[in-house]
Amino acid sequence: MMKVLKRSYLALILAFLYLPIVVLVIQSFNAGSSRAVWEGFSLRWYGELFRNKNIMDALYVTVSIAILAAFFSTILGSLAAIGIHAMKKRPQAFMMTLTNLPMTMPDIVTGISLMLLFIFTKVQRGYWTMLLAHITFNTPYVILSVMPKLKQMNSHAYEAALDLGATPVYALFHVILPEIKPGIITGALMAFTLSLDDFTVSYFTTSPLVQNLSTLIYSEARRGIKPTMNALSALMFILLLVLLLIVNRRTKEPQA
C-alpha cells in the first residue's frame, strides 16, 4: 500500500511539472492559432518560426553567446580550480566560499550588480556586455565541476612529472588536464546550458537592440503569446533536455 502511495505521489508531481510542457509541445503542431481548439496536425508554425527574422537574430545571439561563454568560462574556471586546489587548506576554503557565493545569490542580484558596473564604467550595454555577464556567472559552475576531479587525482603526479624533466606547461597539458577532462567537459556543458537558458542576467546586461531568445520571448509574451512561440519553446525544451541528460550522464560516470 505504501509503495502504491509513493508511486502515485511521484506520478502526480511529474504530471504537475511536465504536463504543461507536453501541452505546449502538442500545441506547437496545431494547424490553427487557437489554443483551445485543435484544428489538425501541421508544421506551419515551425516554418513561420524559421522565417521570422527577429527570432533568427535572437537565436544567433543566444547560441553564439552560449558557445563563447562556455568556451571562455571553461578555460577560466579550469585554471582557477587548479590554482585553488594548489592552495593551503584555509586559503582554499576562503576562495571556495567566494566562488560559491555567486551561485547562491539570486540571479536578479547578479544582473543588477553587473548592470550598475557597466553603467558606472560607462560601457554601452549590448552583445559584449551580455557575453561578459554570462562568462561571469558560468565560471563558478565550471570550478565546481572541476574541483572534485582534482581532488581525486594523485597529488604526486604533477611533482613526479617535473622530477622526470617535464616543464610546468607540459605537465599541465599531459598530466593534469587528462585527469580532470571529465570535469572540464561537464563544466563546459553546464555553462552552455545555463547560458542558453538565462533570462534575468541577460535582461539587465543588454540593450533593447540586442536580444536573446529568453528576452525576446518575454517581450513577445507581454503582447500575447503567438503560436510560433510554442514551436520555439518546444525546440528549446528538447535541446535543453538533451544537454541536461548529457550533463547528468557525465556527472554520474566518476561514481560508477
C-alpha atoms as a PDB file:
ATOM      1  CA  MET A   1       0.000   0.000   0.000  1.00  0.00           C
ATOM      2  CA  MET A   2       2.782   2.390   0.958  1.00  0.00           C
ATOM      3  CA  LYS A   3       4.614   1.625  -2.290  1.00  0.00           C
ATOM      4  CA  VAL A   4       1.488   2.465  -4.292  1.00  0.00           C
ATOM      5  CA  LEU A   5       1.079   5.766  -2.458  1.00  0.00           C
ATOM      6  CA  LYS A   6       4.705   6.691  -3.079  1.00  0.00           C
ATOM      7  CA  ARG A   7       4.423   5.930  -6.775  1.00  0.00           C
ATOM      8  CA  SER A   8       1.142   7.826  -7.045  1.00  0.00           C
ATOM      9  CA  TYR A   9       2.663  10.819  -5.289  1.00  0.00           C
ATOM     10  CA  LEU A  10       5.667  10.749  -7.645  1.00  0.00           C
ATOM     11  CA  ALA A  11       3.365  10.441 -10.663  1.00  0.00           C
ATOM     12  CA  LEU A  12       1.340  13.476  -9.535  1.00  0.00           C
ATOM     13  CA  ILE A  13       4.485  15.571  -9.098  1.00  0.00           C
ATOM     14  CA  LEU A  14       5.837  14.577 -12.515  1.00  0.00           C
ATOM     15  CA  ALA A  15       2.446  15.256 -14.127  1.00  0.00           C
ATOM     16  CA  PHE A  16       2.271  18.687 -12.480  1.00  0.00           C
ATOM     17  CA  LEU A  17       5.777  19.549 -13.707  1.00  0.00           C
ATOM     18  CA  TYR A  18       5.697  18.148 -17.223  1.00  0.00           C
ATOM     19  CA  LEU A  19       2.055  18.073 -18.332  1.00  0.00           C
ATOM     20  CA  PRO A  20       2.076  21.814 -19.220  1.00  0.00           C
ATOM     21  CA  ILE A  21       5.202  21.262 -21.308  1.00  0.00           C
ATOM     22  CA  VAL A  22       3.584  18.316 -23.084  1.00  0.00           C
ATOM     23  CA  VAL A  23       0.557  20.502 -23.860  1.00  0.00           C
ATOM     24  CA  LEU A  24       2.863  23.220 -25.199  1.00  0.00           C
ATOM     25  CA  VAL A  25       4.676  20.757 -27.483  1.00  0.00           C
ATOM     26  CA  ILE A  26       1.367  19.382 -28.774  1.00  0.00           C
ATOM     27  CA  GLN A  27       0.033  22.908 -29.395  1.00  0.00           C
ATOM     28  CA  SER A  28       3.124  23.708 -31.455  1.00  0.00           C
ATOM     29  CA  PHE A  29       1.780  21.238 -34.062  1.00  0.00           C
ATOM     30  CA  ASN A  30      -1.734  22.738 -34.065  1.00  0.00           C
ATOM     31  CA  ALA A  31      -2.647  23.955 -37.548  1.00  0.00           C
ATOM     32  CA  GLY A  32      -4.747  26.815 -36.157  1.00  0.00           C
ATOM     33  CA  SER A  33      -3.833  29.758 -33.959  1.00  0.00           C
ATOM     34  CA  SER A  34      -6.379  28.937 -31.257  1.00  0.00           C
ATOM     35  CA  ARG A  35      -5.022  27.347 -28.099  1.00  0.00           C
ATOM     36  CA  ALA A  36      -8.455  25.977 -27.182  1.00  0.00           C
ATOM     37  CA  VAL A  37      -9.377  24.191 -30.424  1.00  0.00           C
ATOM     38  CA  TRP A  38      -7.339  21.508 -32.199  1.00  0.00           C
ATOM     39  CA  GLU A  39      -7.508  22.208 -35.932  1.00  0.00           C
ATOM     40  CA  GLY A  40      -5.284  19.432 -37.191  1.00  0.00           C
ATOM     41  CA  PHE A  41      -1.633  18.439 -37.281  1.00  0.00           C
ATOM     42  CA  SER A  42       0.702  20.866 -39.078  1.00  0.00           C
ATOM     43  CA  LEU A  43       4.306  22.106 -39.156  1.00  0.00           C
ATOM     44  CA  ARG A  44       3.065  25.563 -40.094  1.00  0.00           C
ATOM     45  CA  TRP A  45       4.376  27.336 -37.011  1.00  0.00           C
ATOM     46  CA  TYR A  46       7.805  25.738 -37.297  1.00  0.00           C
ATOM     47  CA  GLY A  47       8.028  27.051 -40.846  1.00  0.00           C
ATOM     48  CA  GLU A  48       6.993  30.548 -39.739  1.00  0.00           C
ATOM     49  CA  LEU A  49       9.451  30.305 -36.858  1.00  0.00           C
ATOM     50  CA  PHE A  50      12.425  29.850 -39.182  1.00  0.00           C
ATOM     51  CA  ARG A  51      11.167  32.603 -41.498  1.00  0.00           C
ATOM     52  CA  ASN A  52      10.906  35.128 -38.651  1.00  0.00           C
ATOM     53  CA  LYS A  53      13.979  37.410 -38.805  1.00  0.00           C
ATOM     54  CA  ASN A  54      13.660  38.643 -35.201  1.00  0.00           C
ATOM     55  CA  ILE A  55      13.612  35.100 -33.856  1.00  0.00           C
ATOM     56  CA  MET A  56      16.515  34.010 -36.063  1.00  0.00           C
ATOM     57  CA  ASP A  57      18.575  37.022 -34.925  1.00  0.00           C
ATOM     58  CA  ALA A  58      17.773  36.208 -31.299  1.00  0.00           C
ATOM     59  CA  LEU A  59      18.678  32.555 -31.929  1.00  0.00           C
ATOM     60  CA  TYR A  60      22.060  33.601 -33.346  1.00  0.00           C
ATOM     61  CA  VAL A  61      22.734  35.813 -30.318  1.00  0.00           C
ATOM     62  CA  THR A  62      21.676  33.043 -27.919  1.00  0.00           C
ATOM     63  CA  VAL A  63      23.734  30.256 -29.485  1.00  0.00           C
ATOM     64  CA  SER A  64      26.838  32.362 -30.180  1.00  0.00           C
ATOM     65  CA  ILE A  65      26.904  33.775 -26.646  1.00  0.00           C
ATOM     66  CA  ALA A  66      26.308  30.324 -25.158  1.00  0.00           C
ATOM     67  CA  ILE A  67      29.222  28.841 -27.141  1.00  0.00           C
ATOM     68  CA  LEU A  68      31.621  31.725 -26.418  1.00  0.00           C
ATOM     69  CA  ALA A  69      30.613  31.947 -22.754  1.00  0.00           C
ATOM     70  CA  ALA A  70      31.053  28.201 -22.315  1.00  0.00           C
ATOM     71  CA  PHE A  71      34.470  28.313 -24.023  1.00  0.00           C
ATOM     72  CA  PHE A  72      35.933  31.191 -22.013  1.00  0.00           C
ATOM     73  CA  SER A  73      34.331  30.249 -18.700  1.00  0.00           C
ATOM     74  CA  THR A  74      35.647  26.698 -19.103  1.00  0.00           C
ATOM     75  CA  ILE A  75      39.195  27.988 -19.574  1.00  0.00           C
ATOM     76  CA  LEU A  76      38.947  30.472 -16.695  1.00  0.00           C
ATOM     77  CA  GLY A  77      37.152  28.040 -14.399  1.00  0.00           C
ATOM     78  CA  SER A  78      39.550  25.162 -15.054  1.00  0.00           C
ATOM     79  CA  LEU A  79      42.638  27.298 -14.443  1.00  0.00           C
ATOM     80  CA  ALA A  80      41.035  28.823 -11.339  1.00  0.00           C
ATOM     81  CA  ALA A  81      40.184  25.364  -9.992  1.00  0.00           C
ATOM     82  CA  ILE A  82      43.784  24.204 -10.491  1.00  0.00           C
ATOM     83  CA  GLY A  83      45.053  27.310  -8.681  1.00  0.00           C
ATOM     84  CA  ILE A  84      42.595  26.947  -5.805  1.00  0.00           C
ATOM     85  CA  HIS A  85      43.415  23.247  -5.455  1.00  0.00           C
ATOM     86  CA  ALA A  86      47.113  24.108  -5.070  1.00  0.00           C
ATOM     87  CA  MET A  87      46.409  26.452  -2.143  1.00  0.00           C
ATOM     88  CA  LYS A  88      46.715  25.542   1.517  1.00  0.00           C
ATOM     89  CA  LYS A  89      43.625  24.480   3.430  1.00  0.00           C
ATOM     90  CA  ARG A  90      42.459  27.841   4.862  1.00  0.00           C
ATOM     91  CA  PRO A  91      43.034  29.981   1.734  1.00  0.00           C
ATOM     92  CA  GLN A  92      41.413  27.232  -0.322  1.00  0.00           C
ATOM     93  CA  ALA A  93      38.319  27.214   1.903  1.00  0.00           C
ATOM     94  CA  PHE A  94      38.119  31.021   1.696  1.00  0.00           C
ATOM     95  CA  MET A  95      38.400  31.003  -2.093  1.00  0.00           C
ATOM     96  CA  MET A  96      35.786  28.255  -2.441  1.00  0.00           C
ATOM     97  CA  THR A  97      33.422  30.341  -0.302  1.00  0.00           C
ATOM     98  CA  LEU A  98      33.940  33.314  -2.621  1.00  0.00           C
ATOM     99  CA  THR A  99      33.455  31.051  -5.628  1.00  0.00           C
ATOM    100  CA  ASN A 100      30.239  29.501  -4.321  1.00  0.00           C
ATOM    101  CA  LEU A 101      28.743  32.849  -3.288  1.00  0.00           C
ATOM    102  CA  PRO A 102      27.653  33.922  -6.820  1.00  0.00           C
ATOM    103  CA  MET A 103      25.839  30.591  -7.263  1.00  0.00           C
ATOM    104  CA  THR A 104      23.803  31.107  -4.093  1.00  0.00           C
ATOM    105  CA  MET A 105      22.809  34.694  -4.883  1.00  0.00           C
ATOM    106  CA  PRO A 106      19.543  35.344  -6.752  1.00  0.00           C
ATOM    107  CA  ASP A 107      20.044  35.982 -10.461  1.00  0.00           C
ATOM    108  CA  ILE A 108      18.412  39.383 -10.146  1.00  0.00           C
ATOM    109  CA  VAL A 109      21.153  40.494  -7.728  1.00  0.00           C
ATOM    110  CA  THR A 110      23.850  39.385 -10.167  1.00  0.00           C
ATOM    111  CA  GLY A 111      22.073  41.033 -13.090  1.00  0.00           C
ATOM    112  CA  ILE A 112      21.530  44.378 -11.360  1.00  0.00           C
ATOM    113  CA  SER A 113      25.081  44.388  -9.983  1.00  0.00           C
ATOM    114  CA  LEU A 114      26.585  43.840 -13.424  1.00  0.00           C
ATOM    115  CA  MET A 115      24.253  46.426 -14.947  1.00  0.00           C
ATOM    116  CA  LEU A 116      25.381  49.020 -12.372  1.00  0.00           C
ATOM    117  CA  LEU A 117      29.007  48.097 -13.060  1.00  0.00           C
ATOM    118  CA  PHE A 118      28.583  48.694 -16.790  1.00  0.00           C
ATOM    119  CA  ILE A 119      26.771  51.976 -16.151  1.00  0.00           C
ATOM    120  CA  PHE A 120      29.459  53.121 -13.691  1.00  0.00           C
ATOM    121  CA  THR A 121      32.264  52.282 -16.128  1.00  0.00           C
ATOM    122  CA  LYS A 122      30.265  53.882 -18.981  1.00  0.00           C
ATOM    123  CA  VAL A 123      30.283  50.718 -21.060  1.00  0.00           C
ATOM    124  CA  GLN A 124      27.426  50.619 -23.550  1.00  0.00           C
ATOM    125  CA  ARG A 125      25.279  47.573 -22.959  1.00  0.00           C
ATOM    126  CA  GLY A 126      24.769  45.152 -25.815  1.00  0.00           C
ATOM    127  CA  TYR A 127      26.174  41.909 -27.165  1.00  0.00           C
ATOM    128  CA  TRP A 128      29.582  42.115 -25.489  1.00  0.00           C
ATOM    129  CA  THR A 129      28.291  43.102 -22.071  1.00  0.00           C
ATOM    130  CA  MET A 130      25.857  40.170 -22.188  1.00  0.00           C
ATOM    131  CA  LEU A 131      28.736  37.879 -23.116  1.00  0.00           C
ATOM    132  CA  LEU A 132      30.871  39.161 -20.217  1.00  0.00           C
ATOM    133  CA  ALA A 133      27.945  38.684 -17.844  1.00  0.00           C
ATOM    134  CA  HIS A 134      27.427  35.086 -18.984  1.00  0.00           C
ATOM    135  CA  ILE A 135      31.128  34.299 -18.589  1.00  0.00           C
ATOM    136  CA  THR A 136      30.977  35.789 -15.081  1.00  0.00           C
ATOM    137  CA  PHE A 137      28.117  33.666 -13.771  1.00  0.00           C
ATOM    138  CA  ASN A 138      29.206  30.499 -15.626  1.00  0.00           C
ATOM    139  CA  THR A 139      32.769  30.379 -14.295  1.00  0.00           C
ATOM    140  CA  PRO A 140      31.870  29.318 -10.699  1.00  0.00           C
ATOM    141  CA  TYR A 141      29.907  26.348 -12.076  1.00  0.00           C
ATOM    142  CA  VAL A 142      32.940  25.213 -14.053  1.00  0.00           C
ATOM    143  CA  ILE A 143      35.105  25.475 -10.918  1.00  0.00           C
ATOM    144  CA  LEU A 144      32.547  23.418  -9.012  1.00  0.00           C
ATOM    145  CA  SER A 145      32.638  20.729 -11.727  1.00  0.00           C
ATOM    146  CA  VAL A 146      36.433  20.549 -11.983  1.00  0.00           C
ATOM    147  CA  MET A 147      37.337  20.602  -8.262  1.00  0.00           C
ATOM    148  CA  PRO A 148      36.133  17.025  -7.493  1.00  0.00           C
ATOM    149  CA  LYS A 149      38.304  15.604 -10.287  1.00  0.00           C
ATOM    150  CA  LEU A 150      41.322  17.483  -8.946  1.00  0.00           C
ATOM    151  CA  LYS A 151      40.716  16.009  -5.500  1.00  0.00           C
ATOM    152  CA  GLN A 152      40.515  12.504  -6.997  1.00  0.00           C
ATOM    153  CA  MET A 153      43.788  12.974  -8.879  1.00  0.00           C
ATOM    154  CA  ASN A 154      47.041  11.613  -7.460  1.00  0.00           C
ATOM    155  CA  SER A 155      48.549  14.611  -5.672  1.00  0.00           C
ATOM    156  CA  HIS A 156      52.104  13.484  -6.511  1.00  0.00           C
ATOM    157  CA  ALA A 157      51.610  13.000 -10.267  1.00  0.00           C
ATOM    158  CA  TYR A 158      52.444  16.625 -11.127  1.00  0.00           C
ATOM    159  CA  GLU A 159      55.597  16.655  -8.953  1.00  0.00           C
ATOM    160  CA  ALA A 160      56.686  13.331 -10.419  1.00  0.00           C
ATOM    161  CA  ALA A 161      56.365  14.710 -13.952  1.00  0.00           C
ATOM    162  CA  LEU A 162      58.521  17.708 -13.003  1.00  0.00           C
ATOM    163  CA  ASP A 163      61.138  15.415 -11.419  1.00  0.00           C
ATOM    164  CA  LEU A 164      61.303  13.431 -14.653  1.00  0.00           C
ATOM    165  CA  GLY A 165      62.158  16.583 -16.600  1.00  0.00           C
ATOM    166  CA  ALA A 166      58.769  17.837 -17.771  1.00  0.00           C
ATOM    167  CA  THR A 167      58.205  21.578 -17.877  1.00  0.00           C
ATOM    168  CA  PRO A 168      55.239  23.005 -15.881  1.00  0.00           C
ATOM    169  CA  VAL A 169      53.326  23.686 -19.118  1.00  0.00           C
ATOM    170  CA  TYR A 170      53.985  20.157 -20.428  1.00  0.00           C
ATOM    171  CA  ALA A 171      52.900  18.652 -17.106  1.00  0.00           C
ATOM    172  CA  LEU A 172      49.748  20.770 -17.148  1.00  0.00           C
ATOM    173  CA  PHE A 173      48.673  19.573 -20.601  1.00  0.00           C
ATOM    174  CA  HIS A 174      49.815  15.952 -20.325  1.00  0.00           C
ATOM    175  CA  VAL A 175      49.274  15.125 -16.644  1.00  0.00           C
ATOM    176  CA  ILE A 176      46.692  17.409 -15.020  1.00  0.00           C
ATOM    177  CA  LEU A 177      44.291  18.155 -17.888  1.00  0.00           C
ATOM    178  CA  PRO A 178      43.827  14.497 -18.976  1.00  0.00           C
ATOM    179  CA  GLU A 179      42.986  13.579 -15.376  1.00  0.00           C
ATOM    180  CA  ILE A 180      40.376  16.319 -14.960  1.00  0.00           C
ATOM    181  CA  LYS A 181      38.988  16.116 -18.519  1.00  0.00           C
ATOM    182  CA  PRO A 182      35.580  14.653 -17.466  1.00  0.00           C
ATOM    183  CA  GLY A 183      35.071  17.548 -15.039  1.00  0.00           C
ATOM    184  CA  ILE A 184      36.039  20.090 -17.703  1.00  0.00           C
ATOM    185  CA  ILE A 185      33.595  18.616 -20.219  1.00  0.00           C
ATOM    186  CA  THR A 186      30.821  18.530 -17.628  1.00  0.00           C
ATOM    187  CA  GLY A 187      31.542  22.146 -16.674  1.00  0.00           C
ATOM    188  CA  ALA A 188      31.502  23.238 -20.313  1.00  0.00           C
ATOM    189  CA  LEU A 189      28.161  21.533 -20.944  1.00  0.00           C
ATOM    190  CA  MET A 190      26.737  23.044 -17.763  1.00  0.00           C
ATOM    191  CA  ALA A 191      27.962  26.517 -18.750  1.00  0.00           C
ATOM    192  CA  PHE A 192      26.450  26.169 -22.230  1.00  0.00           C
ATOM    193  CA  THR A 193      23.109  25.043 -20.787  1.00  0.00           C
ATOM    194  CA  LEU A 194      22.954  27.829 -18.207  1.00  0.00           C
ATOM    195  CA  SER A 195      23.859  30.475 -20.776  1.00  0.00           C
ATOM    196  CA  LEU A 196      21.309  29.160 -23.249  1.00  0.00           C
ATOM    197  CA  ASP A 197      18.562  29.261 -20.622  1.00  0.00           C
ATOM    198  CA  ASP A 198      19.389  32.543 -18.866  1.00  0.00           C
ATOM    199  CA  PHE A 199      16.916  35.422 -18.761  1.00  0.00           C
ATOM    200  CA  THR A 200      17.431  37.604 -15.689  1.00  0.00           C
ATOM    201  CA  VAL A 201      21.126  38.405 -16.118  1.00  0.00           C
ATOM    202  CA  SER A 202      20.682  38.847 -19.881  1.00  0.00           C
ATOM    203  CA  TYR A 203      17.754  41.229 -19.364  1.00  0.00           C
ATOM    204  CA  PHE A 204      19.785  43.616 -17.207  1.00  0.00           C
ATOM    205  CA  THR A 205      23.054  43.478 -19.152  1.00  0.00           C
ATOM    206  CA  THR A 206      21.901  44.018 -22.735  1.00  0.00           C
ATOM    207  CA  SER A 207      20.117  46.712 -24.703  1.00  0.00           C
ATOM    208  CA  PRO A 208      16.707  46.510 -26.424  1.00  0.00           C
ATOM    209  CA  LEU A 209      18.545  46.299 -29.761  1.00  0.00           C
ATOM    210  CA  VAL A 210      20.300  43.035 -28.821  1.00  0.00           C
ATOM    211  CA  GLN A 211      18.026  40.262 -27.596  1.00  0.00           C
ATOM    212  CA  ASN A 212      18.494  36.591 -26.945  1.00  0.00           C
ATOM    213  CA  LEU A 213      15.635  34.112 -27.077  1.00  0.00           C
ATOM    214  CA  SER A 214      14.650  34.461 -23.426  1.00  0.00           C
ATOM    215  CA  THR A 215      14.350  38.261 -23.559  1.00  0.00           C
ATOM    216  CA  LEU A 216      12.577  38.045 -26.919  1.00  0.00           C
ATOM    217  CA  ILE A 217      10.019  35.585 -25.531  1.00  0.00           C
ATOM    218  CA  TYR A 218       9.478  37.894 -22.543  1.00  0.00           C
ATOM    219  CA  SER A 219       8.835  40.897 -24.762  1.00  0.00           C
ATOM    220  CA  GLU A 220       6.541  38.876 -27.048  1.00  0.00           C
ATOM    221  CA  ALA A 221       4.602  37.466 -24.083  1.00  0.00           C
ATOM    222  CA  ARG A 222       3.598  40.941 -22.957  1.00  0.00           C
ATOM    223  CA  ARG A 223       1.851  41.440 -26.318  1.00  0.00           C
ATOM    224  CA  GLY A 224       0.287  37.983 -26.336  1.00  0.00           C
ATOM    225  CA  ILE A 225       1.737  34.556 -26.969  1.00  0.00           C
ATOM    226  CA  LYS A 226       1.911  33.690 -30.669  1.00  0.00           C
ATOM    227  CA  PRO A 227       1.873  30.082 -31.928  1.00  0.00           C
ATOM    228  CA  THR A 228       5.450  30.500 -33.174  1.00  0.00           C
ATOM    229  CA  MET A 229       6.472  30.894 -29.517  1.00  0.00           C
ATOM    230  CA  ASN A 230       5.043  27.427 -28.860  1.00  0.00           C
ATOM    231  CA  ALA A 231       7.262  25.993 -31.589  1.00  0.00           C
ATOM    232  CA  LEU A 232      10.288  27.910 -30.301  1.00  0.00           C
ATOM    233  CA  SER A 233       9.675  26.815 -26.708  1.00  0.00           C
ATOM    234  CA  ALA A 234       9.261  23.193 -27.795  1.00  0.00           C
ATOM    235  CA  LEU A 235      12.598  23.235 -29.641  1.00  0.00           C
ATOM    236  CA  MET A 236      14.361  24.900 -26.688  1.00  0.00           C
ATOM    237  CA  PHE A 237      12.914  22.338 -24.272  1.00  0.00           C
ATOM    238  CA  ILE A 238      14.096  19.409 -26.399  1.00  0.00           C
ATOM    239  CA  LEU A 239      17.578  20.901 -26.811  1.00  0.00           C
ATOM    240  CA  LEU A 240      17.974  21.676 -23.100  1.00  0.00           C
ATOM    241  CA  LEU A 241      16.642  18.233 -22.188  1.00  0.00           C
ATOM    242  CA  VAL A 242      19.253  16.553 -24.369  1.00  0.00           C
ATOM    243  CA  LEU A 243      22.043  18.712 -22.917  1.00  0.00           C
ATOM    244  CA  LEU A 244      20.949  18.075 -19.335  1.00  0.00           C
ATOM    245  CA  LEU A 245      20.817  14.332 -19.970  1.00  0.00           C
ATOM    246  CA  ILE A 246      24.397  14.516 -21.266  1.00  0.00           C
ATOM    247  CA  VAL A 247      25.486  16.545 -18.213  1.00  0.00           C
ATOM    248  CA  ASN A 248      23.811  14.127 -15.796  1.00  0.00           C
ATOM    249  CA  ARG A 249      25.345  11.133 -17.549  1.00  0.00           C
ATOM    250  CA  ARG A 250      28.834  12.629 -17.311  1.00  0.00           C
ATOM    251  CA  THR A 251      28.265  13.621 -13.676  1.00  0.00           C
ATOM    252  CA  LYS A 252      27.454  10.015 -12.744  1.00  0.00           C
ATOM    253  CA  GLU A 253      30.415   8.495 -14.616  1.00  0.00           C
ATOM    254  CA  PRO A 254      33.038   9.072 -11.862  1.00  0.00           C
ATOM    255  CA  GLN A 255      30.758   7.337  -9.355  1.00  0.00           C
ATOM    256  CA  ALA A 256      30.478   4.206 -11.494  1.00  0.00           C
END
